[in-house]
Protein backbone atom coordinates (compact mmCIF):
# COMPACT_ATOMS: atom_id res chain seq x y z
CA MET A 1 29.07 -6.32 -10.00
CA GLY A 2 25.61 -8.07 -10.27
CA LYS A 3 24.60 -10.19 -12.84
CA ILE A 4 22.14 -12.77 -13.31
CA LYS A 5 21.38 -15.62 -14.19
CA LEU A 6 18.41 -18.66 -14.68
CA GLU A 7 19.71 -21.94 -16.52
CA ASN A 8 16.34 -23.91 -16.91
CA VAL A 9 14.94 -23.02 -13.14
CA THR A 10 12.39 -24.93 -12.53
CA TYR A 11 10.26 -25.20 -8.81
CA TYR A 12 7.48 -27.01 -6.67
CA TYR A 13 7.08 -25.94 -2.91
CA PRO A 14 6.19 -27.90 -0.96
CA ASN A 15 3.25 -30.98 -1.70
CA ALA A 16 2.53 -28.68 -5.21
CA VAL A 17 1.50 -30.57 -8.07
CA ASN A 18 2.48 -27.44 -10.64
CA PRO A 19 5.06 -25.90 -10.33
CA ALA A 20 5.47 -22.21 -8.95
CA LEU A 21 8.96 -21.94 -11.91
CA GLN A 22 8.36 -23.27 -15.25
CA ASN A 23 11.00 -23.50 -17.46
CA ILE A 24 13.23 -19.95 -16.05
CA ASN A 25 15.64 -19.40 -18.87
CA LEU A 26 17.06 -15.58 -17.52
CA THR A 27 19.68 -13.13 -17.46
CA VAL A 28 20.57 -9.58 -15.79
CA ASN A 29 23.38 -7.92 -17.24
CA ASN A 30 24.70 -6.13 -14.26
CA GLY A 31 23.77 -2.43 -14.00
CA GLU A 32 19.75 -3.45 -15.52
CA PHE A 33 16.56 -2.26 -14.48
CA VAL A 34 14.15 -4.98 -15.13
CA LEU A 35 10.70 -4.39 -14.20
CA LEU A 36 9.12 -8.08 -13.19
CA LEU A 37 4.97 -8.06 -14.01
CA GLY A 38 2.84 -10.67 -13.48
CA SER A 39 -1.01 -11.20 -12.51
CA SER A 40 -1.40 -12.12 -8.61
CA GLY A 41 0.19 -16.10 -7.78
CA SER A 42 1.94 -16.08 -11.36
CA GLY A 43 5.61 -16.24 -9.80
CA LYS A 44 7.27 -12.69 -9.31
CA SER A 45 7.08 -12.98 -5.67
CA THR A 46 9.67 -16.63 -6.55
CA LEU A 47 11.26 -15.89 -9.26
CA LEU A 48 12.90 -13.36 -6.06
CA ARG A 49 13.54 -15.48 -3.63
CA SER A 50 14.61 -17.84 -5.82
CA ILE A 51 17.63 -15.17 -6.88
CA ALA A 52 18.30 -14.56 -3.35
CA GLY A 53 19.27 -17.76 -3.17
CA LEU A 54 16.69 -18.33 -0.59
CA ILE A 55 14.63 -21.24 -2.30
CA PRO A 56 15.35 -24.18 -1.61
CA ASN A 57 17.98 -23.03 1.43
CA PHE A 58 14.72 -21.72 3.58
CA TYR A 59 11.76 -22.23 1.44
CA PRO A 60 12.43 -26.34 1.03
CA GLY A 61 10.74 -27.79 -2.03
CA LYS A 62 12.16 -29.40 -5.52
CA LEU A 63 14.24 -27.17 -7.34
CA ILE A 64 15.63 -27.80 -10.45
CA GLY A 65 18.24 -26.26 -12.94
CA GLN A 66 20.64 -23.24 -10.99
CA VAL A 67 21.20 -19.80 -10.31
CA LEU A 68 23.89 -18.70 -11.23
CA ILE A 69 25.38 -14.61 -10.09
CA ASP A 70 28.60 -12.90 -11.69
CA GLU A 71 28.67 -16.23 -13.55
CA VAL A 72 28.86 -18.30 -10.14
CA ASN A 73 26.47 -20.94 -8.96
CA LEU A 74 24.96 -19.67 -5.97
CA ASN A 75 25.17 -23.30 -3.94
CA ARG A 76 28.34 -22.50 -4.31
CA LEU A 77 28.03 -19.01 -2.66
CA SER A 78 28.15 -18.78 1.47
CA PRO A 79 25.31 -16.91 3.26
CA ARG A 80 27.29 -14.21 4.02
CA GLN A 81 28.09 -13.68 0.73
CA ILE A 82 25.12 -13.74 -1.00
CA ALA A 83 24.13 -11.06 1.99
CA ASP A 84 26.83 -8.62 1.15
CA LYS A 85 25.59 -8.72 -2.43
CA ILE A 86 21.92 -8.88 -2.76
CA ALA A 87 19.24 -7.04 -0.68
CA LEU A 88 15.62 -8.19 -1.29
CA LEU A 89 12.42 -6.12 0.35
CA PHE A 90 9.26 -8.86 0.69
CA GLN A 91 6.23 -7.95 0.29
CA GLU A 92 4.78 -9.23 4.19
CA ILE A 93 6.40 -6.16 5.35
CA GLU A 94 5.08 -7.06 9.21
CA ALA A 95 6.82 -10.38 8.47
CA GLN A 96 10.72 -8.04 7.93
CA MET A 97 10.90 -7.10 11.36
CA VAL A 98 12.95 -7.29 13.76
CA LYS A 99 13.64 -4.75 16.15
CA ASN A 100 11.58 -2.68 18.21
CA LYS A 101 13.50 1.12 16.58
CA VAL A 102 13.55 2.41 13.42
CA GLU A 103 17.11 3.37 13.97
CA ASN A 104 17.70 -0.10 14.88
CA GLU A 105 15.65 -2.06 12.58
CA ILE A 106 17.35 -0.04 9.82
CA ALA A 107 21.03 -0.77 11.06
CA PHE A 108 19.73 -4.81 12.01
CA SER A 109 21.34 -6.24 8.62
CA LEU A 110 24.53 -4.13 8.53
CA GLU A 111 25.21 -5.38 12.49
CA ASN A 112 24.38 -8.65 10.69
CA LEU A 113 27.63 -7.47 8.15
CA GLY A 114 29.71 -6.82 10.25
CA ILE A 115 30.17 -3.21 9.57
CA SER A 116 32.24 -1.30 11.86
CA PRO A 117 29.67 1.29 13.83
CA GLN A 118 31.04 4.33 11.99
CA ILE A 119 30.21 3.13 9.12
CA MET A 120 26.67 2.09 10.57
CA LYS A 121 26.26 5.31 11.52
CA GLN A 122 26.88 7.26 8.64
CA ARG A 123 24.95 4.61 6.30
CA VAL A 124 21.92 4.93 8.45
CA ALA A 125 22.16 9.08 8.67
CA GLU A 126 22.76 8.48 4.92
CA ILE A 127 19.90 6.44 3.91
CA SER A 128 17.34 8.48 6.62
CA ASN A 129 17.81 11.31 5.70
CA ALA A 130 17.77 10.87 1.90
CA LEU A 131 13.81 9.03 2.53
CA ASN A 132 12.93 11.64 5.40
CA LEU A 133 13.13 9.19 8.30
CA VAL A 134 15.43 11.27 10.01
CA PRO A 135 12.14 12.22 12.27
CA TYR A 136 11.25 8.90 12.95
CA LEU A 137 14.50 7.17 13.42
CA GLY A 138 13.64 7.17 17.82
CA LYS A 139 10.04 5.62 16.96
CA LYS A 140 9.08 2.16 17.95
CA LEU A 141 7.81 0.61 14.36
CA THR A 142 4.94 -0.14 16.07
CA GLU A 143 3.41 3.63 15.87
CA LEU A 144 3.94 4.34 12.54
CA SER A 145 1.13 3.34 9.82
CA GLY A 146 1.74 0.83 7.26
CA GLY A 147 3.23 2.73 4.64
CA MET A 148 5.85 3.87 7.02
CA LYS A 149 6.84 0.31 8.65
CA GLN A 150 7.48 -0.29 4.49
CA LYS A 151 9.23 3.17 3.82
CA VAL A 152 11.94 2.41 6.93
CA LEU A 153 11.64 -1.50 5.99
CA LEU A 154 13.11 -0.16 2.08
CA ALA A 155 15.86 1.97 4.22
CA ALA A 156 17.33 -1.14 5.51
CA THR A 157 17.40 -3.54 2.30
CA LEU A 158 18.79 -0.03 0.89
CA VAL A 159 21.94 0.86 3.63
CA ARG A 160 23.33 -2.60 2.97
CA GLN A 161 24.56 -0.85 -0.97
CA PRO A 162 24.12 -4.46 -2.39
CA ASP A 163 25.08 -4.73 -6.09
CA ILE A 164 21.54 -6.39 -7.00
CA LEU A 165 18.61 -4.90 -4.80
CA LEU A 166 15.65 -7.13 -5.81
CA LEU A 167 12.37 -5.26 -3.80
CA ASP A 168 8.93 -7.16 -3.92
CA GLU A 169 5.71 -4.24 -4.00
CA PRO A 170 7.98 -1.70 -2.48
CA ILE A 171 5.31 1.42 -2.74
CA SER A 172 1.88 -0.86 -2.58
CA GLN A 173 1.44 0.85 1.16
CA LEU A 174 3.07 4.68 -0.05
CA ASP A 175 1.18 7.83 -0.62
CA PRO A 176 1.73 9.28 -4.47
CA ILE A 177 4.13 11.98 -3.09
CA VAL A 178 6.25 9.27 -0.51
CA ALA A 179 6.91 7.15 -3.85
CA LYS A 180 8.00 9.12 -6.41
CA ASP A 181 9.96 10.52 -3.84
CA LEU A 182 11.55 6.57 -2.93
CA LEU A 183 11.28 5.93 -6.50
CA SER A 184 13.63 7.94 -7.16
CA VAL A 185 16.31 7.01 -4.85
CA ILE A 186 15.54 4.27 -5.88
CA ARG A 187 16.23 5.51 -9.96
CA TYR A 188 19.85 7.39 -8.52
CA LEU A 189 21.51 4.35 -7.04
CA HIS A 190 20.30 2.09 -10.46
CA GLU A 191 21.54 5.32 -12.59
CA GLU A 192 24.90 7.06 -10.17
CA LEU A 193 25.93 3.32 -8.23
CA GLY A 194 25.26 1.25 -11.31
CA ILE A 195 23.31 -1.63 -9.44
CA THR A 196 21.11 -4.05 -10.65
CA VAL A 197 17.71 -3.33 -10.22
CA ILE A 198 14.86 -6.22 -10.25
CA ILE A 199 11.25 -4.62 -9.57
CA ALA A 200 7.56 -6.46 -9.19
CA GLU A 201 4.86 -3.84 -8.55
CA HIS A 202 1.53 -3.85 -9.08
CA ARG A 203 1.32 0.29 -9.02
CA LEU A 204 2.93 0.87 -12.45
CA GLU A 205 2.36 3.99 -13.43
CA ASN A 206 5.86 5.63 -11.37
CA ILE A 207 8.02 3.10 -12.59
CA ILE A 208 6.99 1.54 -16.17
CA SER A 209 9.57 5.23 -17.47
CA MET A 210 12.07 4.92 -15.46
CA VAL A 211 13.25 0.72 -16.19
CA THR A 212 15.41 -0.35 -19.04
CA ARG A 213 13.26 -3.22 -19.70
CA VAL A 214 10.33 -5.30 -18.83
CA VAL A 215 9.74 -9.29 -18.12
CA ALA A 216 6.32 -10.66 -18.12
CA MET A 217 4.95 -13.62 -15.72
CA GLU A 218 2.28 -16.09 -16.03
CA LYS A 219 1.71 -19.63 -14.72
CA GLY A 220 4.67 -19.65 -13.44
CA GLU A 221 6.55 -18.73 -16.60
CA ILE A 222 8.14 -15.63 -18.95
CA ILE A 223 6.16 -14.70 -21.33
CA TYR A 224 7.42 -11.54 -22.22
CA ASP A 225 10.89 -10.55 -22.18
CA GLY A 226 12.00 -6.71 -24.40
CA SER A 227 12.20 -3.18 -24.25
CA VAL A 228 10.24 -1.32 -22.56
CA GLY A 229 8.97 1.00 -25.33
CA ALA A 230 7.34 -2.51 -27.41
CA TYR A 231 5.76 -3.78 -24.33
CA PRO A 232 2.93 -1.39 -24.69
CA ARG A 233 2.29 -2.78 -28.23
CA TRP A 234 3.20 -6.25 -26.79
CA ALA A 235 0.35 -6.28 -24.48
CA VAL A 236 -2.25 -4.27 -26.18
CA ALA A 237 -1.65 -6.95 -29.02
CA ASN A 238 -1.69 -9.79 -26.88
CA ASN A 239 -4.62 -8.45 -24.55
CA TYR A 240 -2.96 -8.58 -21.50
CA LYS A 241 -4.24 -5.99 -19.24
CA LEU A 242 -1.60 -5.20 -16.70
CA ILE A 243 -0.15 -2.23 -18.66
CA PRO A 244 -0.26 1.38 -16.91
CA ASP A 245 -3.07 3.40 -18.11
CA ILE A 246 -1.37 6.52 -20.07
CA PRO A 247 0.85 4.07 -22.78
CA LYS A 248 -2.56 1.40 -22.62
CA LEU A 249 -4.60 4.22 -23.89
CA PHE A 250 -2.13 5.66 -26.70
CA ALA A 251 -1.88 1.83 -27.84
CA GLN A 252 -5.17 1.19 -27.87
CA VAL A 253 -6.22 4.00 -30.23
CA GLY A 254 -3.37 3.68 -32.62
CA PHE A 255 -0.18 5.59 -31.34
CA LEU A 256 3.34 4.34 -33.54
CA ASN A 257 4.93 6.55 -30.65
CA THR A 258 3.86 5.22 -27.37
CA PRO A 259 4.42 7.48 -23.88
CA LEU A 260 5.51 5.82 -20.49
CA ASN A 261 5.13 8.78 -18.77
CA VAL A 262 2.33 12.04 -18.32
CA GLN A 263 5.03 13.80 -19.47
CA GLU A 264 5.47 12.30 -23.04
CA ALA A 265 1.68 12.38 -22.95
CA ARG A 266 1.42 15.64 -22.86
CA GLN A 267 3.73 16.43 -25.58
CA ILE A 268 1.54 14.34 -28.35
CA ILE A 269 -1.63 16.36 -26.90
CA THR A 270 -0.01 20.34 -27.88
CA ASN A 271 0.44 18.28 -31.53
CA MET A 272 -2.58 18.19 -32.21
CA LYS A 273 -3.70 19.66 -35.14
CA GLU A 274 -7.43 20.62 -34.15
CA PRO A 275 -8.52 23.34 -31.95
CA ILE A 276 -9.64 22.36 -29.11
CA ARG A 277 -12.90 23.91 -26.75
CA GLU A 278 -10.91 26.87 -25.18
CA GLU A 279 -13.36 26.68 -21.92
CA ASN A 280 -13.33 23.76 -20.26
CA SER A 281 -14.16 22.77 -16.60
CA PRO A 282 -14.81 19.74 -14.41
CA THR A 283 -18.34 19.99 -14.87
CA GLU A 284 -17.76 19.68 -19.24
CA GLY A 285 -17.48 17.30 -20.35
CA ARG A 286 -17.34 14.41 -18.96
CA SER A 287 -19.70 15.68 -16.17
CA LYS A 288 -19.86 14.55 -12.52
CA PRO A 289 -23.42 12.41 -12.25
CA ASN A 290 -25.88 14.73 -11.14
CA ARG A 291 -26.73 13.11 -7.39
CA ALA A 292 -29.29 13.89 -5.29
CA ALA A 293 -27.45 14.77 -1.30
CA ALA A 294 -26.95 11.71 0.44
CA LYS A 295 -27.88 11.04 4.24
CA PRO A 296 -25.01 9.72 6.39
CA ILE A 297 -25.00 6.82 7.91
CA ILE A 298 -21.27 7.41 10.15
CA THR A 299 -21.14 10.56 11.91
CA PHE A 300 -18.44 11.74 13.89
CA LYS A 301 -19.02 14.30 17.02
CA ASN A 302 -15.17 15.00 17.91
CA ALA A 303 -14.38 12.23 18.05
CA SER A 304 -10.41 11.36 19.25
CA TYR A 305 -7.68 8.79 19.75
CA LYS A 306 -5.22 8.38 20.82
CA TYR A 307 -2.87 5.20 20.88
CA SER A 308 -0.64 6.68 24.05
CA PRO A 309 0.08 9.38 25.50
CA ASP A 310 2.53 10.50 22.86
CA LEU A 311 0.92 8.63 19.28
CA LEU A 312 -2.11 10.73 18.18
CA GLY A 313 -4.10 8.55 15.72
CA VAL A 314 -7.46 11.50 15.49
CA LYS A 315 -8.69 14.33 16.92
CA ASN A 316 -11.54 15.53 16.78
CA ILE A 317 -13.38 14.55 13.56
CA LYS A 318 -16.94 16.21 13.46
CA PHE A 319 -17.63 14.48 9.67
CA ASN A 320 -20.63 12.72 7.96
CA PHE A 321 -19.90 9.29 5.63
CA PRO A 322 -22.61 10.04 3.44
CA GLY A 323 -24.78 6.72 2.67
CA GLY A 324 -24.48 4.03 -0.17
CA GLU A 325 -21.81 5.06 -1.50
CA THR A 326 -19.02 4.80 -2.05
CA THR A 327 -15.87 7.50 0.23
CA ALA A 328 -11.57 7.54 -0.90
CA ILE A 329 -9.79 7.96 2.69
CA ILE A 330 -6.32 9.80 0.95
CA GLY A 331 -3.67 11.53 3.40
CA HIS A 332 0.32 10.86 3.71
CA ASN A 333 0.97 7.95 5.06
CA GLY A 334 0.32 8.06 9.19
CA ALA A 335 -2.32 10.98 8.84
CA GLY A 336 -4.82 8.00 10.36
CA LYS A 337 -6.42 6.74 7.76
CA SER A 338 -6.34 3.16 9.10
CA THR A 339 -7.24 5.11 13.10
CA LEU A 340 -10.56 6.51 11.25
CA LEU A 341 -11.47 2.83 9.50
CA LYS A 342 -10.93 1.45 12.56
CA LEU A 343 -13.62 3.36 14.60
CA ILE A 344 -16.42 3.32 12.24
CA ALA A 345 -15.48 -0.48 12.22
CA GLY A 346 -15.52 -0.28 16.31
CA ILE A 347 -11.65 -2.09 16.71
CA LEU A 348 -10.85 1.50 17.90
CA LYS A 349 -13.20 3.15 20.50
CA ALA A 350 -13.09 7.48 20.86
CA ASP A 351 -11.49 8.13 23.58
CA ARG A 352 -13.11 11.47 23.88
CA GLY A 353 -16.45 12.39 21.29
CA GLN A 354 -18.45 9.63 19.26
CA VAL A 355 -18.84 7.73 16.82
CA LEU A 356 -22.24 7.55 15.42
CA LEU A 357 -23.96 4.71 12.98
CA LYS A 358 -27.16 5.45 11.92
CA GLY A 359 -27.41 7.87 14.79
CA ARG A 360 -26.39 4.93 17.42
CA ASP A 361 -23.42 5.20 19.06
CA ILE A 362 -20.95 1.82 18.38
CA LYS A 363 -19.98 2.08 22.39
CA ARG A 364 -23.14 1.96 24.05
CA GLN A 365 -25.68 -0.04 22.51
CA PRO A 366 -24.88 -3.16 19.75
CA ASN A 367 -25.36 -2.32 16.07
CA SER A 368 -28.18 -4.10 13.86
CA LEU A 369 -26.18 -2.96 10.75
CA LYS A 370 -24.26 -5.37 8.80
CA LEU A 371 -20.50 -4.11 8.72
CA GLY A 372 -17.90 -5.67 6.41
CA TYR A 373 -13.81 -4.74 8.27
CA ILE A 374 -10.74 -5.77 5.97
CA PRO A 375 -7.98 -4.76 6.99
CA GLN A 376 -4.20 -3.87 5.57
CA ASN A 377 -2.76 -7.16 6.38
CA PRO A 378 -4.91 -10.16 4.88
CA ASP A 379 -2.39 -12.31 7.30
CA GLU A 380 -4.85 -10.04 10.24
CA PHE A 381 -7.74 -11.98 8.91
CA LEU A 382 -6.82 -15.68 7.92
CA TYR A 383 -6.71 -18.46 10.76
CA LEU A 384 -9.13 -21.23 8.68
CA PRO A 385 -7.29 -24.03 7.56
CA THR A 386 -8.79 -23.50 3.64
CA VAL A 387 -10.20 -21.06 1.63
CA GLU A 388 -13.74 -22.36 1.98
CA GLU A 389 -13.64 -22.29 5.34
CA GLU A 390 -12.31 -18.95 5.36
CA LEU A 391 -15.38 -17.89 2.91
CA SER A 392 -17.49 -20.47 4.70
CA HIS A 393 -17.21 -18.52 8.37
CA ASN A 394 -20.47 -17.16 10.33
CA LEU A 395 -22.43 -17.33 6.72
CA SER A 396 -25.73 -18.10 6.79
CA THR A 397 -28.07 -21.52 6.11
CA GLU A 398 -29.81 -19.64 3.48
CA ASN A 399 -28.55 -20.80 0.24
CA ARG A 400 -25.00 -21.19 2.07
CA ALA A 401 -23.33 -23.69 -0.78
CA SER A 402 -24.45 -21.63 -4.04
CA LYS A 403 -23.31 -18.98 -1.88
CA ILE A 404 -20.06 -20.16 -1.49
CA GLU A 405 -19.90 -21.31 -4.72
CA ASN A 406 -20.61 -18.00 -6.75
CA TRP A 407 -18.11 -15.72 -4.86
CA LEU A 408 -15.10 -18.66 -5.06
CA ASN A 409 -16.06 -17.58 -9.19
CA LYS A 410 -15.93 -14.06 -8.41
CA PHE A 411 -12.56 -13.96 -6.86
CA ASN A 412 -11.33 -17.05 -9.06
CA LEU A 413 -11.02 -18.91 -6.15
CA THR A 414 -12.04 -22.39 -7.25
CA ALA A 415 -8.72 -24.43 -7.42
CA TYR A 416 -7.73 -22.65 -4.49
CA ARG A 417 -10.62 -24.13 -2.37
CA TYR A 418 -8.82 -26.90 -0.61
CA VAL A 419 -6.08 -24.91 0.08
CA ASN A 420 -4.61 -23.26 3.24
CA PRO A 421 -4.82 -19.62 2.06
CA ARG A 422 -1.79 -19.15 4.45
CA ASP A 423 0.50 -20.94 1.59
CA LEU A 424 -1.52 -18.21 -0.72
CA SER A 425 0.58 -15.34 -2.33
CA LEU A 426 0.12 -11.93 -0.94
CA GLY A 427 -2.39 -10.78 -3.77
CA GLU A 428 -4.31 -13.87 -3.74
CA LYS A 429 -4.76 -13.80 -0.02
CA GLN A 430 -6.32 -10.21 -0.23
CA LEU A 431 -8.94 -11.81 -2.31
CA VAL A 432 -9.74 -14.47 0.56
CA VAL A 433 -10.59 -11.87 2.25
CA LEU A 434 -12.29 -9.58 0.48
CA ALA A 435 -14.97 -12.25 -0.76
CA ALA A 436 -14.87 -13.68 2.81
CA VAL A 437 -16.08 -10.29 3.66
CA LEU A 438 -18.30 -9.52 0.79
CA ILE A 439 -20.23 -12.78 0.37
CA HIS A 440 -22.48 -11.25 3.18
CA GLU A 441 -22.75 -8.03 1.11
CA PRO A 442 -22.43 -5.89 4.23
CA GLU A 443 -24.78 -2.73 4.55
CA ILE A 444 -21.13 -0.93 5.70
CA ILE A 445 -18.14 -2.07 3.97
CA CYS A 446 -14.73 -0.67 5.23
CA LEU A 447 -11.33 -1.40 3.22
CA ASP A 448 -7.96 -0.95 4.22
CA GLU A 449 -5.75 -0.07 1.18
CA PRO A 450 -7.81 -2.91 -1.46
CA THR A 451 -5.54 -2.79 -3.62
CA ARG A 452 -3.09 -4.30 -2.21
CA GLY A 453 -0.85 -7.15 -3.84
CA LEU A 454 -3.41 -7.17 -6.74
CA ASP A 455 -2.48 -6.62 -10.34
CA TYR A 456 -5.18 -3.99 -12.78
CA SER A 457 -6.99 -6.98 -14.36
CA TRP A 458 -7.66 -7.87 -10.89
CA GLN A 459 -8.41 -3.87 -9.77
CA SER A 460 -10.89 -4.17 -12.07
CA ASN A 461 -12.82 -6.90 -10.79
CA LEU A 462 -12.73 -5.65 -7.72
CA GLY A 463 -14.00 -2.22 -8.41
CA LYS A 464 -16.96 -4.02 -10.44
CA ILE A 465 -18.08 -5.83 -7.16
CA LEU A 466 -17.66 -2.93 -5.68
CA THR A 467 -19.94 -0.88 -7.20
CA GLU A 468 -22.82 -3.84 -7.65
CA LEU A 469 -22.88 -4.44 -4.34
CA LYS A 470 -23.02 0.13 -3.80
CA GLY A 471 -26.15 -0.86 -6.29
CA LYS A 472 -27.74 -2.75 -3.98
CA GLY A 473 -27.61 -0.03 -0.99
CA SER A 474 -24.15 -1.12 0.69
CA THR A 475 -21.83 2.25 2.35
CA ILE A 476 -18.37 1.73 1.50
CA ILE A 477 -15.07 3.88 2.74
CA MET A 478 -11.42 2.94 1.67
CA VAL A 479 -8.19 3.92 2.91
CA THR A 480 -6.28 4.18 -1.17
CA ASN A 481 -2.93 5.19 -1.92
CA ASP A 482 -4.46 3.84 -5.55
CA MET A 483 -5.52 7.44 -7.01
CA GLU A 484 -5.86 5.60 -10.98
CA PHE A 485 -8.81 3.16 -8.46
CA ILE A 486 -9.95 6.17 -6.29
CA ALA A 487 -10.48 7.51 -10.06
CA LYS A 488 -12.62 5.11 -11.07
CA TYR A 489 -15.05 3.75 -8.84
CA THR A 490 -15.67 6.45 -5.58
CA ASP A 491 -18.11 9.07 -5.91
CA ASN A 492 -15.69 11.07 -2.67
CA ILE A 493 -13.31 11.82 -1.19
CA ALA A 494 -11.96 12.89 2.04
CA ILE A 495 -8.43 14.09 2.54
CA MET A 496 -6.82 13.73 6.14
CA SER A 497 -3.30 15.41 7.62
CA LYS A 498 -2.51 15.05 11.03
CA GLY A 499 -5.25 13.50 12.50
CA GLU A 500 -7.95 16.22 10.68
CA ILE A 501 -9.91 15.73 7.94
CA ILE A 502 -8.52 18.65 6.40
CA GLY A 503 -11.15 18.54 3.06
CA PHE A 504 -13.94 16.80 1.72
CA GLY A 505 -15.75 16.49 -1.71
CA ASP A 506 -16.82 14.88 -5.21
CA LYS A 507 -13.92 12.80 -6.82
CA TYR A 508 -14.08 15.37 -9.78
CA ASP A 509 -13.40 18.92 -7.00
CA ILE A 510 -11.24 17.28 -5.37
CA LEU A 511 -9.45 15.64 -8.35
CA THR A 512 -9.11 17.79 -10.90
CA LYS A 513 -7.77 20.59 -8.38
CA ALA A 514 -4.50 18.54 -7.17
CA THR A 515 -1.47 18.59 -7.86
CA PHE A 516 -0.06 15.28 -6.64
CA TYR A 517 -3.19 13.42 -6.20
CA ALA A 518 -4.71 13.75 -9.30
CA PRO A 519 -4.31 10.37 -12.14
CA GLN A 520 -1.93 10.06 -14.39
CA VAL A 521 -4.41 10.56 -16.88
CA ASN A 522 -5.50 13.77 -15.52
CA ARG A 523 -2.68 15.13 -15.81
CA VAL A 524 -2.25 14.28 -19.47
CA PHE A 525 -5.32 16.19 -20.41
CA ARG A 526 -5.80 19.32 -17.61
CA GLN A 527 -4.44 21.91 -19.92
CA VAL A 528 -7.30 20.79 -22.77
CA ASP A 529 -9.69 18.99 -20.50
CA ASN A 530 -9.73 18.78 -17.12
CA SER A 531 -12.97 16.49 -16.86
CA ILE A 532 -11.13 13.50 -17.85
CA LEU A 533 -9.83 11.36 -14.58
CA THR A 534 -9.82 8.48 -15.89
CA TYR A 535 -8.38 5.44 -19.00
CA GLU A 536 -12.23 5.65 -20.33
CA ASP A 537 -12.71 9.24 -20.40
CA GLY A 538 -9.21 9.73 -22.63
CA ARG A 539 -9.66 7.36 -24.32
CA GLU A 540 -13.02 8.72 -26.01
CA PHE A 541 -11.19 12.40 -25.87
CA LEU A 542 -8.65 10.70 -28.51
CA LEU A 543 -10.77 8.98 -30.94
CA ALA A 544 -13.06 12.32 -31.79
CA PRO A 545 -12.76 13.60 -34.89
CA ARG A 546 -9.31 15.49 -34.63
CA VAL A 547 -5.63 14.48 -36.33
CA CYS A 548 -2.85 14.21 -33.63
CA GLU A 549 0.68 13.75 -34.66
CA GLY A 550 1.97 10.18 -33.98
CA LEU A 551 -1.13 8.94 -35.97
CA PRO A 552 -0.53 6.09 -38.41
């Protein structure tokens, strides 16, 4: 069984003035699959922690009301009984790693539960096979990319076979192909084994059509609790930003039946009653911008880097990054994307070959360029006691106060000015790091998974800020698995595999020819207009004079 019930739950973190959860009344029946939505800091993670029994036992504070699992108050269950029923995957991946090797990490929770060695081996083998982790079982966790660590920790969560599965941003660092595979496993566990699932996630494109119910939170309160089909129309009517492009697109232009996935949306497009132009290409309609060839600002000359004799980072990179443009680096988890970014930032030094910034080897002489680097894990960056001090660190005295005020406002951080950034949610930490780096308006900006933990509204704000900085001459290089963000806010895409750059081109050339990396909107419209990449493109197309089935 896996029924969850929260009755009048209010919770305050220690020393907090405002509650993180406020008068929550929520019932999740056995076998439901719930999508938990909310902007960064809305209380999603806190809600999951309370269901898992971590509040107030592990996270101290003031809890009012009660949480019941299968009609039994959590206070009456021992930690072992809770662990038997409930499994929680946290947002903070790095903080959950306990063991040294992948196989040991997956098996660790089973050891704590006293599962027999034979059953343990069977379960580890089964989940490793399902998530394609068998080749990594003998590897050290420190040798894995952020995305692969996330995958391993999900395996360590699923291997327990809980009645209730709580997932906090389980695909935030996974490439699109791996993310779909992982979601398929979660869907199987729900549909075939009847596990109750609550998933909090910002990358909603492939999730919203899987779930049976949507719960949305803001400021610690539930503001929507209802069916998936009704949610898009509610979100549009209430100007709520947390809605994927496909349902948002069709709901906003007035379709009565809102599609939730590519297949449903494509069916609507095929029912259009007016003919669509026959010849389509990436350069028709929304043609790609006619930009002059940009001069290279970063040059890789046969650059290679190894973490150890057996662990390759990148090899023989020969490549020029264009200056004054935004380039996204994509590829499978472990392809070498983060390593390449660290070589640009000077955090790592090439074993062989050279990395040149404006023709100067970064290893042999200091470089006058201002370069900002934002890591995958914001906790690696944050060490000062307040948000304001993080922003003011190494900031020039000229217009210092006004700059801090401006960037606090840009990232909606004014209310957290004197708060320790480590006490914030993952998304809020990400905003602090972004503000602390971008306040310097660096000439080169290196971002590793910049949208991790950010809701759609903040992704849009970040995109606008980066576009503004690019307009002032900054070169932006980002590693991200967020194809929708790439489609909207980048100029070029470099594709990596096994430590090498295997492709490069304008985003139109790359995405309109891709199979799995294409954004969802492009896959919807591909057969009628392959130049459509974004929500804005699709809206323009649907609002053009034509008759569609499904319109009122």
